[in-house]
C-alpha atoms as a PDB file:
ATOM      1  CA  UNK A   1      40.341  50.035  58.087  1.00  0.00           C
ATOM      2  CA  UNK A   2      39.042  46.483  58.636  1.00  0.00           C
ATOM      3  CA  UNK A   3      35.482  47.614  57.881  1.00  0.00           C
ATOM      4  CA  UNK A   4      36.719  49.247  54.661  1.00  0.00           C
ATOM      5  CA  UNK A   5      38.502  46.000  53.561  1.00  0.00           C
ATOM      6  CA  UNK A   6      35.327  44.040  54.264  1.00  0.00           C
ATOM      7  CA  UNK A   7      33.316  46.448  52.167  1.00  0.00           C
ATOM      8  CA  UNK A   8      35.732  46.084  49.270  1.00  0.00           C
ATOM      9  CA  UNK A   9      35.635  42.279  49.492  1.00  0.00           C
ATOM     10  CA  UNK A  10      31.809  42.329  49.609  1.00  0.00           C
ATOM     11  CA  UNK A  11      31.700  44.647  46.636  1.00  0.00           C
ATOM     12  CA  UNK A  12      34.114  42.436  44.690  1.00  0.00           C
ATOM     13  CA  UNK A  13      31.938  39.393  45.528  1.00  0.00           C
ATOM     14  CA  UNK A  14      28.886  41.113  44.203  1.00  0.00           C
ATOM     15  CA  UNK A  15      30.575  41.907  40.920  1.00  0.00           C
ATOM     16  CA  UNK A  16      32.341  38.556  40.500  1.00  0.00           C
ATOM     17  CA  UNK A  17      29.271  36.619  39.251  1.00  0.00           C
ATOM     18  CA  UNK A  18      28.273  39.181  36.596  1.00  0.00           C
ATOM     19  CA  UNK A  19      31.869  39.541  35.572  1.00  0.00           C
ATOM     20  CA  UNK A  20      32.274  35.817  35.036  1.00  0.00           C
ATOM     21  CA  UNK A  21      28.968  35.630  33.141  1.00  0.00           C
ATOM     22  CA  UNK A  22      29.983  38.589  31.033  1.00  0.00           C
ATOM     23  CA  UNK A  23      33.357  36.997  30.244  1.00  0.00           C
ATOM     24  CA  UNK A  24      31.666  33.695  29.285  1.00  0.00           C
ATOM     25  CA  UNK A  25      29.185  35.542  27.101  1.00  0.00           C
ATOM     26  CA  UNK A  26      31.986  37.471  25.395  1.00  0.00           C
ATOM     27  CA  UNK A  27      33.887  34.221  24.774  1.00  0.00           C
ATOM     28  CA  UNK A  28      30.795  32.500  23.403  1.00  0.00           C
ATOM     29  CA  UNK A  29      29.908  35.484  21.252  1.00  0.00           C
ATOM     30  CA  UNK A  30      33.481  35.702  20.114  1.00  0.00           C
ATOM     31  CA  UNK A  31      33.518  31.992  19.254  1.00  0.00           C
ATOM     32  CA  UNK A  32      30.243  32.196  17.390  1.00  0.00           C
ATOM     33  CA  UNK A  33      31.398  35.362  15.612  1.00  0.00           C
ATOM     34  CA  UNK A  34      34.695  33.672  14.815  1.00  0.00           C
ATOM     35  CA  UNK A  35      32.952  30.610  13.389  1.00  0.00           C
ATOM     36  CA  UNK A  36      30.542  32.770  11.443  1.00  0.00           C
ATOM     37  CA  UNK A  37      33.330  35.047  10.221  1.00  0.00           C
ATOM     38  CA  UNK A  38      35.400  32.056   9.111  1.00  0.00           C
ATOM     39  CA  UNK A  39      32.524  30.412   7.241  1.00  0.00           C
ATOM     40  CA  UNK A  40      31.312  33.654   5.790  1.00  0.00           C
ATOM     41  CA  UNK A  41      34.764  34.483   4.451  1.00  0.00           C
ATOM     42  CA  UNK A  42      36.017  30.985   3.505  1.00  0.00           C
ATOM     43  CA  UNK A  43      32.659  29.327   2.767  1.00  0.00           C
ATOM     44  CA  UNK A  44      34.123  25.952   3.807  1.00  0.00           C
ATOM     45  CA  UNK A  45      33.396  23.529   6.608  1.00  0.00           C
ATOM     46  CA  UNK A  46      33.712  19.821   7.355  1.00  0.00           C
ATOM     47  CA  UNK A  47      30.979  17.185   7.203  1.00  0.00           C
ATOM     48  CA  UNK A  48      30.762  13.484   7.879  1.00  0.00           C
ATOM     49  CA  UNK A  49      29.130  10.830   5.728  1.00  0.00           C
ATOM     50  CA  UNK A  50      25.993   9.476   7.432  1.00  0.00           C
ATOM     51  CA  UNK A  51      25.774   5.867   8.516  1.00  0.00           C
ATOM     52  CA  UNK A  52      22.455   4.216   7.614  1.00  0.00           C
ATOM     53  CA  UNK A  53      21.419   1.252   9.724  1.00  0.00           C
ATOM     54  CA  UNK A  54      18.226  -0.795   9.198  1.00  0.00           C
ATOM     55  CA  UNK A  55      16.772  -2.806  12.071  1.00  0.00           C
ATOM     56  CA  UNK A  56      14.753  -5.929  11.118  1.00  0.00           C
ATOM     57  CA  UNK A  57      12.101  -6.547  13.786  1.00  0.00           C
ATOM     58  CA  UNK A  58       9.972  -9.574  14.591  1.00  0.00           C
ATOM     59  CA  UNK A  59       6.565  -9.136  12.915  1.00  0.00           C
ATOM     60  CA  UNK A  60       4.920 -11.440  15.514  1.00  0.00           C
ATOM     61  CA  UNK A  61       5.910 -13.241  18.694  1.00  0.00           C
ATOM     62  CA  UNK A  62       7.329 -16.636  18.032  1.00  0.00           C
ATOM     63  CA  UNK A  63      10.362 -18.944  17.894  1.00  0.00           C
ATOM     64  CA  UNK A  64      13.447 -18.271  15.879  1.00  0.00           C
ATOM     65  CA  UNK A  65      13.756 -21.556  13.970  1.00  0.00           C
ATOM     66  CA  UNK A  66      16.647 -20.673  11.588  1.00  0.00           C
ATOM     67  CA  UNK A  67      19.433 -18.101  11.491  1.00  0.00           C
ATOM     68  CA  UNK A  68      21.667 -17.727   8.381  1.00  0.00           C
ATOM     69  CA  UNK A  69      23.177 -14.312   9.202  1.00  0.00           C
ATOM     70  CA  UNK A  70      26.505 -13.924  10.982  1.00  0.00           C
ATOM     71  CA  UNK A  71      27.902 -10.787  12.617  1.00  0.00           C
ATOM     72  CA  UNK A  72      29.986  -8.812  10.148  1.00  0.00           C
ATOM     73  CA  UNK A  73      28.706 -10.812   7.148  1.00  0.00           C
ATOM     74  CA  UNK A  74      28.149  -8.948   3.882  1.00  0.00           C
ATOM     75  CA  UNK A  75      24.718  -9.732   2.436  1.00  0.00           C
ATOM     76  CA  UNK A  76      22.814  -8.802  -0.681  1.00  0.00           C
ATOM     77  CA  UNK A  77      19.409  -7.135  -0.695  1.00  0.00           C
ATOM     78  CA  UNK A  78      16.667  -9.776  -0.344  1.00  0.00           C
ATOM     79  CA  UNK A  79      18.870 -12.368   1.321  1.00  0.00           C
ATOM     80  CA  UNK A  80      17.074 -14.380   4.036  1.00  0.00           C
ATOM     81  CA  UNK A  81      18.738 -13.735   7.406  1.00  0.00           C
ATOM     82  CA  UNK A  82      16.464 -15.556   9.790  1.00  0.00           C
ATOM     83  CA  UNK A  83      13.096 -17.348   9.965  1.00  0.00           C
ATOM     84  CA  UNK A  84      10.449 -17.196  12.668  1.00  0.00           C
ATOM     85  CA  UNK A  85       7.555 -19.513  13.440  1.00  0.00           C
ATOM     86  CA  UNK A  86       4.420 -18.506  15.282  1.00  0.00           C
ATOM     87  CA  UNK A  87       3.091 -21.322  17.501  1.00  0.00           C
ATOM     88  CA  UNK A  88       0.177 -23.105  15.871  1.00  0.00           C
ATOM     89  CA  UNK A  89       0.607 -21.447  12.463  1.00  0.00           C
ATOM     90  CA  UNK A  90       1.734 -24.668  10.727  1.00  0.00           C
ATOM     91  CA  UNK A  91      -1.383 -26.473  11.972  1.00  0.00           C
ATOM     92  CA  UNK A  92      -3.557 -23.538  10.949  1.00  0.00           C
ATOM     93  CA  UNK A  93      -2.034 -23.525   7.489  1.00  0.00           C
ATOM     94  CA  UNK A  94      -2.525 -27.292   7.094  1.00  0.00           C
ATOM     95  CA  UNK A  95      -6.189 -26.901   8.090  1.00  0.00           C
ATOM     96  CA  UNK A  96      -6.626 -24.015   5.671  1.00  0.00           C
ATOM     97  CA  UNK A  97      -5.120 -26.059   2.794  1.00  0.00           C
ATOM     98  CA  UNK A  98      -7.443 -28.969   3.604  1.00  0.00           C
ATOM     99  CA  UNK A  99     -10.408 -26.588   3.596  1.00  0.00           C
ATOM    100  CA  UNK A 100      -9.446 -25.258   0.179  1.00  0.00           C
ATOM    101  CA  UNK A 101      -9.198 -28.815  -1.219  1.00  0.00           C
ATOM    102  CA  UNK A 102     -12.630 -29.737   0.196  1.00  0.00           C
ATOM    103  CA  UNK A 103     -14.157 -26.594  -1.247  1.00  0.00           C
ATOM    104  CA  UNK A 104     -12.591 -27.310  -4.662  1.00  0.00           C
ATOM    105  CA  UNK A 105     -13.865 -30.908  -4.678  1.00  0.00           C
ATOM    106  CA  UNK A 106     -17.315 -29.791  -3.615  1.00  0.00           C
ATOM    107  CA  UNK A 107     -17.314 -27.155  -6.299  1.00  0.00           C
ATOM    108  CA  UNK A 108     -16.492 -29.695  -9.039  1.00  0.00           C
ATOM    109  CA  UNK A 109     -19.472 -31.883  -8.081  1.00  0.00           C
ATOM    110  CA  UNK A 110     -21.744 -28.910  -7.559  1.00  0.00           C
ATOM    111  CA  UNK A 111     -20.713 -27.372 -10.864  1.00  0.00           C
ATOM    112  CA  UNK A 112     -21.609 -30.549 -12.709  1.00  0.00           C
ATOM    113  CA  UNK A 113     -24.975 -30.712 -10.991  1.00  0.00           C
ATOM    114  CA  UNK A 114     -25.592 -27.023 -11.481  1.00  0.00           C
ATOM    115  CA  UNK A 115     -24.669 -27.179 -15.139  1.00  0.00           C
ATOM    116  CA  UNK A 116     -27.054 -30.057 -15.772  1.00  0.00           C
ATOM    117  CA  UNK A 117     -29.897 -28.495 -13.763  1.00  0.00           C
ATOM    118  CA  UNK A 118     -29.542 -25.082 -15.323  1.00  0.00           C
ATOM    119  CA  UNK A 119     -29.208 -26.601 -18.794  1.00  0.00           C
ATOM    120  CA  UNK A 120     -32.517 -28.358 -18.251  1.00  0.00           C
ATOM    121  CA  UNK A 121     -34.155 -25.151 -16.952  1.00  0.00           C
ATOM    122  CA  UNK A 122     -32.874 -23.131 -19.908  1.00  0.00           C
ATOM    123  CA  UNK A 123     -33.970 -25.746 -22.419  1.00  0.00           C
ATOM    124  CA  UNK A 124     -37.432 -26.037 -20.855  1.00  0.00           C
ATOM    125  CA  UNK A 125     -37.880 -22.239 -20.887  1.00  0.00           C
ATOM    126  CA  UNK A 126     -36.679 -22.078 -24.456  1.00  0.00           C
ATOM    127  CA  UNK A 127     -39.135 -24.732 -25.662  1.00  0.00           C
ATOM    128  CA  UNK A 128     -42.051 -23.106 -23.804  1.00  0.00           C
ATOM    129  CA  UNK A 129     -41.177 -19.776 -25.396  1.00  0.00           C
ATOM    130  CA  UNK A 130     -40.940 -21.268 -28.907  1.00  0.00           C
ATOM    131  CA  UNK A 131     -44.287 -23.051 -28.502  1.00  0.00           C
ATOM    132  CA  UNK A 132     -45.938 -19.822 -27.335  1.00  0.00           C
ATOM    133  CA  UNK A 133     -44.364 -17.885 -30.227  1.00  0.00           C
ATOM    134  CA  UNK A 134     -45.785 -20.411 -32.723  1.00  0.00           C
ATOM    135  CA  UNK A 135     -49.262 -20.112 -31.160  1.00  0.00           C
ATOM    136  CA  UNK A 136     -48.898 -16.331 -31.192  1.00  0.00           C
ATOM    137  CA  UNK A 137     -48.182 -16.371 -34.924  1.00  0.00           C
ATOM    138  CA  UNK A 138     -51.254 -18.643 -35.464  1.00  0.00           C
ATOM    139  CA  UNK A 139     -53.460 -16.306 -33.421  1.00  0.00           C
ATOM    140  CA  UNK A 140     -52.301 -13.305 -35.521  1.00  0.00           C
ATOM    141  CA  UNK A 141     -53.084 -15.187 -38.739  1.00  0.00           C
ATOM    142  CA  UNK A 142     -56.557 -16.250 -37.507  1.00  0.00           C
ATOM    143  CA  UNK A 143     -57.345 -12.687 -36.454  1.00  0.00           C
ATOM    144  CA  UNK A 144     -56.249 -11.321 -39.816  1.00  0.00           C
ATOM    145  CA  UNK A 145     -58.450 -13.848 -41.606  1.00  0.00           C
ATOM    146  CA  UNK A 146     -61.455 -13.070 -39.424  1.00  0.00           C
ATOM    147  CA  UNK A 147     -60.980  -9.322 -39.932  1.00  0.00           C
ATOM    148  CA  UNK A 148     -60.817  -9.800 -43.706  1.00  0.00           C
ATOM    149  CA  UNK A 149     -63.964 -11.931 -43.653  1.00  0.00           C
ATOM    150  CA  UNK A 150     -65.784  -9.316 -41.557  1.00  0.00           C
ATOM    151  CA  UNK A 151     -64.707  -6.570 -43.917  1.00  0.00           C
ATOM    152  CA  UNK A 152     -66.016  -8.642 -46.857  1.00  0.00           C
ATOM    153  CA  UNK A 153     -69.462  -9.359 -45.379  1.00  0.00           C
ATOM    154  CA  UNK A 154     -69.984  -5.772 -44.312  1.00  0.00           C
ATOM    155  CA  UNK A 155     -69.270  -4.334 -47.758  1.00  0.00           C
ATOM    156  CA  UNK A 156     -72.067  -2.153 -49.186  1.00  0.00           C
ATOM    157  CA  UNK A 157     -72.766  -4.436 -52.115  1.00  0.00           C
ATOM    158  CA  UNK A 158     -73.111  -7.588 -49.942  1.00  0.00           C
ATOM    159  CA  UNK A 159     -76.488  -8.468 -48.523  1.00  0.00           C
ATOM    160  CA  UNK A 160     -76.015 -10.313 -45.199  1.00  0.00           C
ATOM    161  CA  UNK A 161     -78.274 -10.666 -42.255  1.00  0.00           C
ATOM    162  CA  UNK A 162     -77.620  -8.689 -39.124  1.00  0.00           C
ATOM    163  CA  UNK A 163     -77.288 -11.863 -37.108  1.00  0.00           C
ATOM    164  CA  UNK A 164     -74.535 -13.235 -39.326  1.00  0.00           C
ATOM    165  CA  UNK A 165     -72.567 -10.001 -39.223  1.00  0.00           C
ATOM    166  CA  UNK A 166     -72.906  -9.802 -35.432  1.00  0.00           C
ATOM    167  CA  UNK A 167     -71.547 -13.324 -35.067  1.00  0.00           C
ATOM    168  CA  UNK A 168     -68.559 -12.467 -37.306  1.00  0.00           C
ATOM    169  CA  UNK A 169     -67.877  -9.318 -35.218  1.00  0.00           C
ATOM    170  CA  UNK A 170     -67.987 -11.398 -32.029  1.00  0.00           C
ATOM    171  CA  UNK A 171     -65.562 -13.913 -33.531  1.00  0.00           C
ATOM    172  CA  UNK A 172     -63.091 -11.130 -34.437  1.00  0.00           C
ATOM    173  CA  UNK A 173     -63.325  -9.699 -30.894  1.00  0.00           C
ATOM    174  CA  UNK A 174     -62.688 -13.139 -29.364  1.00  0.00           C
ATOM    175  CA  UNK A 175     -59.634 -13.682 -31.577  1.00  0.00           C
ATOM    176  CA  UNK A 176     -58.322 -10.217 -30.623  1.00  0.00           C
ATOM    177  CA  UNK A 177     -58.682 -11.043 -26.925  1.00  0.00           C
ATOM    178  CA  UNK A 178     -56.888 -14.381 -27.446  1.00  0.00           C
ATOM    179  CA  UNK A 179     -54.049 -12.634 -29.288  1.00  0.00           C
ATOM    180  CA  UNK A 180     -53.634 -10.086 -26.455  1.00  0.00           C
ATOM    181  CA  UNK A 181     -53.447 -12.866 -23.830  1.00  0.00           C
ATOM    182  CA  UNK A 182     -50.965 -14.769 -25.991  1.00  0.00           C
ATOM    183  CA  UNK A 183     -48.747 -11.709 -26.269  1.00  0.00           C
ATOM    184  CA  UNK A 184     -48.681 -11.434 -22.486  1.00  0.00           C
ATOM    185  CA  UNK A 185     -47.837 -15.119 -22.240  1.00  0.00           C
ATOM    186  CA  UNK A 186     -44.928 -14.724 -24.689  1.00  0.00           C
ATOM    187  CA  UNK A 187     -43.568 -11.723 -22.801  1.00  0.00           C
ATOM    188  CA  UNK A 188     -43.634 -13.699 -19.527  1.00  0.00           C
ATOM    189  CA  UNK A 189     -41.888 -16.680 -21.146  1.00  0.00           C
ATOM    190  CA  UNK A 190     -39.238 -14.418 -22.663  1.00  0.00           C
ATOM    191  CA  UNK A 191     -38.523 -13.066 -19.169  1.00  0.00           C
ATOM    192  CA  UNK A 192     -38.386 -16.579 -17.714  1.00  0.00           C
ATOM    193  CA  UNK A 193     -35.972 -17.658 -20.463  1.00  0.00           C
ATOM    194  CA  UNK A 194     -33.667 -14.682 -19.820  1.00  0.00           C
ATOM    195  CA  UNK A 195     -33.729 -15.380 -16.074  1.00  0.00           C
ATOM    196  CA  UNK A 196     -32.869 -19.076 -16.623  1.00  0.00           C
ATOM    197  CA  UNK A 197     -29.917 -18.109 -18.777  1.00  0.00           C
ATOM    198  CA  UNK A 198     -28.761 -15.570 -16.154  1.00  0.00           C
ATOM    199  CA  UNK A 199     -28.896 -18.175 -13.410  1.00  0.00           C
ATOM    200  CA  UNK A 200     -26.868 -20.554 -15.437  1.00  0.00           C
ATOM    201  CA  UNK A 201     -23.989 -18.052 -15.440  1.00  0.00           C
ATOM    202  CA  UNK A 202     -24.328 -16.737 -11.888  1.00  0.00           C
ATOM    203  CA  UNK A 203     -21.966 -17.620  -9.006  1.00  0.00           C
ATOM    204  CA  UNK A 204     -23.378 -19.716  -6.182  1.00  0.00           C
ATOM    205  CA  UNK A 205     -22.599 -20.757  -2.649  1.00  0.00           C
ATOM    206  CA  UNK A 206     -19.870 -23.249  -3.518  1.00  0.00           C
ATOM    207  CA  UNK A 207     -17.843 -20.591  -5.278  1.00  0.00           C
ATOM    208  CA  UNK A 208     -18.256 -18.188  -2.337  1.00  0.00           C
ATOM    209  CA  UNK A 209     -17.071 -20.914   0.095  1.00  0.00           C
ATOM    210  CA  UNK A 210     -14.027 -21.556  -2.047  1.00  0.00           C
ATOM    211  CA  UNK A 211     -13.201 -17.849  -2.179  1.00  0.00           C
ATOM    212  CA  UNK A 212     -13.359 -17.628   1.621  1.00  0.00           C
ATOM    213  CA  UNK A 213     -11.114 -20.682   2.047  1.00  0.00           C
ATOM    214  CA  UNK A 214      -8.547 -19.367  -0.425  1.00  0.00           C
ATOM    215  CA  UNK A 215      -8.533 -15.976   1.263  1.00  0.00           C
ATOM    216  CA  UNK A 216      -7.918 -17.544   4.678  1.00  0.00           C
ATOM    217  CA  UNK A 217      -5.119 -19.733   3.314  1.00  0.00           C
ATOM    218  CA  UNK A 218      -3.467 -16.812   1.505  1.00  0.00           C
ATOM    219  CA  UNK A 219      -3.555 -14.698   4.679  1.00  0.00           C
ATOM    220  CA  UNK A 220      -1.746 -17.456   6.576  1.00  0.00           C
ATOM    221  CA  UNK A 221       0.814 -17.789   3.779  1.00  0.00           C
ATOM    222  CA  UNK A 222       1.417 -14.022   3.951  1.00  0.00           C
ATOM    223  CA  UNK A 223       1.994 -14.275   7.706  1.00  0.00           C
ATOM    224  CA  UNK A 224       4.339 -17.194   7.150  1.00  0.00           C
ATOM    225  CA  UNK A 225       6.249 -15.221   4.521  1.00  0.00           C
ATOM    226  CA  UNK A 226       6.559 -12.206   6.879  1.00  0.00           C
ATOM    227  CA  UNK A 227       8.358 -14.521   9.272  1.00  0.00           C
ATOM    228  CA  UNK A 228      11.259 -14.675   6.854  1.00  0.00           C
ATOM    229  CA  UNK A 229      13.509 -11.696   7.713  1.00  0.00           C
ATOM    230  CA  UNK A 230      15.157 -10.538   4.502  1.00  0.00           C
ATOM    231  CA  UNK A 231      17.813  -7.885   4.069  1.00  0.00           C
ATOM    232  CA  UNK A 232      16.102  -4.673   2.829  1.00  0.00           C
ATOM    233  CA  UNK A 233      19.364  -3.449   1.319  1.00  0.00           C
ATOM    234  CA  UNK A 234      22.835  -4.740   0.629  1.00  0.00           C
ATOM    235  CA  UNK A 235      25.012  -4.199   3.653  1.00  0.00           C
ATOM    236  CA  UNK A 236      26.854  -5.661   6.625  1.00  0.00           C
ATOM    237  CA  UNK A 237      25.167  -7.626   9.443  1.00  0.00           C
ATOM    238  CA  UNK A 238      25.461  -6.043  12.883  1.00  0.00           C
ATOM    239  CA  UNK A 239      27.226  -7.558  15.854  1.00  0.00           C
ATOM    240  CA  UNK A 240      24.091  -9.041  17.416  1.00  0.00           C
ATOM    241  CA  UNK A 241      22.059 -11.810  15.826  1.00  0.00           C
ATOM    242  CA  UNK A 242      19.457 -14.133  17.417  1.00  0.00           C
ATOM    243  CA  UNK A 243      20.085 -17.791  18.172  1.00  0.00           C
ATOM    244  CA  UNK A 244      18.011 -20.646  16.723  1.00  0.00           C
ATOM    245  CA  UNK A 245      15.449 -21.745  19.244  1.00  0.00           C
ATOM    246  CA  UNK A 246      15.241 -18.350  20.844  1.00  0.00           C
ATOM    247  CA  UNK A 247      11.818 -16.901  21.715  1.00  0.00           C
ATOM    248  CA  UNK A 248      11.178 -13.325  20.512  1.00  0.00           C
ATOM    249  CA  UNK A 249       8.293 -10.897  20.975  1.00  0.00           C
ATOM    250  CA  UNK A 250       6.591  -8.840  18.298  1.00  0.00           C
ATOM    251  CA  UNK A 251       8.530  -5.660  17.463  1.00  0.00           C
ATOM    252  CA  UNK A 252      11.803  -6.820  18.923  1.00  0.00           C
ATOM    253  CA  UNK A 253      14.887  -5.924  16.800  1.00  0.00           C
ATOM    254  CA  UNK A 254      16.625  -9.143  15.693  1.00  0.00           C
ATOM    255  CA  UNK A 255      19.155  -8.226  13.003  1.00  0.00           C
ATOM    256  CA  UNK A 256      20.634  -4.903  11.903  1.00  0.00           C
ATOM    257  CA  UNK A 257      22.006  -4.167   8.426  1.00  0.00           C
ATOM    258  CA  UNK A 258      24.424  -1.259   7.931  1.00  0.00           C
ATOM    259  CA  UNK A 259      24.782   0.057   4.404  1.00  0.00           C
ATOM    260  CA  UNK A 260      28.448  -0.165   3.274  1.00  0.00           C
ATOM    261  CA  UNK A 261      28.361   3.179   1.440  1.00  0.00           C
ATOM    262  CA  UNK A 262      26.695   6.536   1.934  1.00  0.00           C
ATOM    263  CA  UNK A 263      25.654   9.313  -0.377  1.00  0.00           C
ATOM    264  CA  UNK A 264      24.605  11.721   2.361  1.00  0.00           C
ATOM    265  CA  UNK A 265      26.602  14.021   4.606  1.00  0.00           C
ATOM    266  CA  UNK A 266      25.723  16.370   7.442  1.00  0.00           C
ATOM    267  CA  UNK A 267      27.624  19.515   8.325  1.00  0.00           C
ATOM    268  CA  UNK A 268      27.141  22.155  11.012  1.00  0.00           C
ATOM    269  CA  UNK A 269      27.199  25.700   9.641  1.00  0.00           C
ATOM    270  CA  UNK A 270      27.280  28.971  11.544  1.00  0.00           C
ATOM    271  CA  UNK A 271      23.720  30.266  11.968  1.00  0.00           C
ATOM    272  CA  UNK A 272      24.284  33.651  10.248  1.00  0.00           C
ATOM    273  CA  UNK A 273      25.787  31.891   7.242  1.00  0.00           C
ATOM    274  CA  UNK A 274      23.229  29.042   7.283  1.00  0.00           C
ATOM    275  CA  UNK A 275      20.417  31.555   7.077  1.00  0.00           C
ATOM    276  CA  UNK A 276      21.665  32.477   3.629  1.00  0.00           C
ATOM    277  CA  UNK A 277      21.546  28.886   2.317  1.00  0.00           C
ATOM    278  CA  UNK A 278      18.658  27.501   0.288  1.00  0.00           C
ATOM    279  CA  UNK A 279      17.269  24.028  -0.392  1.00  0.00           C
ATOM    280  CA  UNK A 280      18.337  22.702  -3.771  1.00  0.00           C
ATOM    281  CA  UNK A 281      21.563  24.718  -3.890  1.00  0.00           C
ATOM    282  CA  UNK A 282      24.449  22.803  -5.489  1.00  0.00           C
ATOM    283  CA  UNK A 283      27.612  22.774  -3.416  1.00  0.00           C
ATOM    284  CA  UNK A 284      31.109  21.318  -3.839  1.00  0.00           C
ATOM    285  CA  UNK A 285      32.301  18.390  -1.748  1.00  0.00           C
ATOM    286  CA  UNK A 286      35.922  17.340  -1.279  1.00  0.00           C
ATOM    287  CA  UNK A 287      36.356  13.788   0.086  1.00  0.00           C
ATOM    288  CA  UNK A 288      39.690  13.183   1.872  1.00  0.00           C
ATOM    289  CA  UNK A 289      42.149  12.204  -0.817  1.00  0.00           C
ATOM    290  CA  UNK A 290      39.412  11.973  -3.450  1.00  0.00           C
ATOM    291  CA  UNK A 291      38.128  13.789  -6.459  1.00  0.00           C
ATOM    292  CA  UNK A 292      35.867  16.764  -5.840  1.00  0.00           C
ATOM    293  CA  UNK A 293      32.174  16.020  -6.392  1.00  0.00           C
ATOM    294  CA  UNK A 294      28.976  18.042  -6.275  1.00  0.00           C
ATOM    295  CA  UNK A 295      26.119  17.771  -3.789  1.00  0.00           C
ATOM    296  CA  UNK A 296      22.676  19.292  -3.259  1.00  0.00           C
ATOM    297  CA  UNK A 297      21.375  20.813  -0.054  1.00  0.00           C
ATOM    298  CA  UNK A 298      18.367  18.669   0.959  1.00  0.00           C
ATOM    299  CA  UNK A 299      17.669  19.947   4.434  1.00  0.00           C
ATOM    300  CA  UNK A 300      18.551  22.861   6.773  1.00  0.00           C
ATOM    301  CA  UNK A 301      17.835  23.151  10.466  1.00  0.00           C
ATOM    302  CA  UNK A 302      16.664  20.959  13.329  1.00  0.00           C
ATOM    303  CA  UNK A 303      14.687  18.660  11.046  1.00  0.00           C
ATOM    304  CA  UNK A 304      17.973  17.106   9.831  1.00  0.00           C
ATOM    305  CA  UNK A 305      18.304  13.642  11.375  1.00  0.00           C
ATOM    306  CA  UNK A 306      21.082  11.131  11.950  1.00  0.00           C
ATOM    307  CA  UNK A 307      23.714  13.810  12.630  1.00  0.00           C
ATOM    308  CA  UNK A 308      26.991  12.135  13.654  1.00  0.00           C
ATOM    309  CA  UNK A 309      28.022  13.084  17.212  1.00  0.00           C
ATOM    310  CA  UNK A 310      31.493  14.021  15.983  1.00  0.00           C
ATOM    311  CA  UNK A 311      29.934  17.010  14.214  1.00  0.00           C
ATOM    312  CA  UNK A 312      28.197  18.442  17.245  1.00  0.00           C
ATOM    313  CA  UNK A 313      29.731  21.844  18.117  1.00  0.00           C
ATOM    314  CA  UNK A 314      30.594  22.941  21.643  1.00  0.00           C
ATOM    315  CA  UNK A 315      27.449  25.043  21.682  1.00  0.00           C
ATOM    316  CA  UNK A 316      24.622  23.908  19.381  1.00  0.00           C
ATOM    317  CA  UNK A 317      23.319  27.480  19.275  1.00  0.00           C
ATOM    318  CA  UNK A 318      26.382  28.467  17.281  1.00  0.00           C
ATOM    319  CA  UNK A 319      25.561  26.351  14.267  1.00  0.00           C
ATOM    320  CA  UNK A 320      22.807  24.744  12.251  1.00  0.00           C
ATOM    321  CA  UNK A 321      22.787  21.252  10.709  1.00  0.00           C
ATOM    322  CA  UNK A 322      22.803  21.096   6.884  1.00  0.00           C
ATOM    323  CA  UNK A 323      21.925  17.853   5.108  1.00  0.00           C
ATOM    324  CA  UNK A 324      23.587  17.333   1.691  1.00  0.00           C
ATOM    325  CA  UNK A 325      23.056  14.486  -0.786  1.00  0.00           C
ATOM    326  CA  UNK A 326      25.466  13.525  -3.535  1.00  0.00           C
ATOM    327  CA  UNK A 327      25.924  10.853  -6.148  1.00  0.00           C
ATOM    328  CA  UNK A 328      29.383  10.032  -4.774  1.00  0.00           C
ATOM    329  CA  UNK A 329      29.696   6.782  -2.830  1.00  0.00           C
ATOM    330  CA  UNK A 330      31.313   7.592   0.519  1.00  0.00           C
ATOM    331  CA  UNK A 331      32.410   5.419   3.432  1.00  0.00           C
ATOM    332  CA  UNK A 332      30.115   5.958   6.460  1.00  0.00           C
ATOM    333  CA  UNK A 333      31.833   8.322   8.860  1.00  0.00           C
ATOM    334  CA  UNK A 334      34.183   9.640   6.170  1.00  0.00           C
ATOM    335  CA  UNK A 335      35.239  13.275   6.562  1.00  0.00           C
ATOM    336  CA  UNK A 336      34.289  15.473   3.645  1.00  0.00           C
ATOM    337  CA  UNK A 337      35.093  19.098   2.975  1.00  0.00           C
ATOM    338  CA  UNK A 338      32.112  21.237   1.959  1.00  0.00           C
ATOM    339  CA  UNK A 339      32.467  24.425  -0.079  1.00  0.00           C
ATOM    340  CA  UNK A 340      29.347  26.439   0.585  1.00  0.00           C
END
């Protein structure tokens, strides 16, 4: 009898674990089925308006030299909340400004000298070119005269000695050679004149030095400007703000801004029902005590971010997050009915 009782107890122990697991599975399945049945038949669920918080971080390591933000303070977009100073940046900026001034002063003197020098070079090249062009015109006229004279003395009805004709032919050839050389000279002077004019308009070392100095100064000014932490949006300052004189490292969060209103909500929807939803679908929202508004499904599934913890179901496998945007201005954390 005792052996039989022990056998029964052992058998009951063997079946207890599977029975409990089976019961838990049935309850979970029943809960999921119940949630799915409810949403499939009613098409309604509850969502919460998302809270958007922006953290302003230190762009570089440095000292907090000024703080204008206070915890709980409402600020407008663009308002300066704090200012940082990187050690040595003020001295670097002063040195860069002095370098720009020196480059500008040097450029003024150099520009005057350059203008005068290039003006002389251009004028000299222009005069040389004009003189050569005048000589070229004279050479052409002399050659034309010699060719006409040669044509006249070699006419059939003119009786001239061979020696005289030969000398005239040699003279024509000499003038032709002179003209060819003069043409080459004029071409070279035209090139020299064009190059002189080009140099008079070209940038030079002084301008390059000024550009480098200005670039260095502007880079420092940009770094200095980034040390001013400005509110990216209108909102409320968080509970923690730095103190003036405090040292901070690059990337450290200094001030948080929470947007006072939200136009986004997140709801958890039963998986079977969520599988039938589509991006871009227009749904109806019912704020507590407010006028119904419309919203648009912007995201479905695990990619949805910033889901309020209050919306997490007992078992995440039962439901899927759905991200909805609307034109309505909601209070962060506000409960909203969703008619899917």
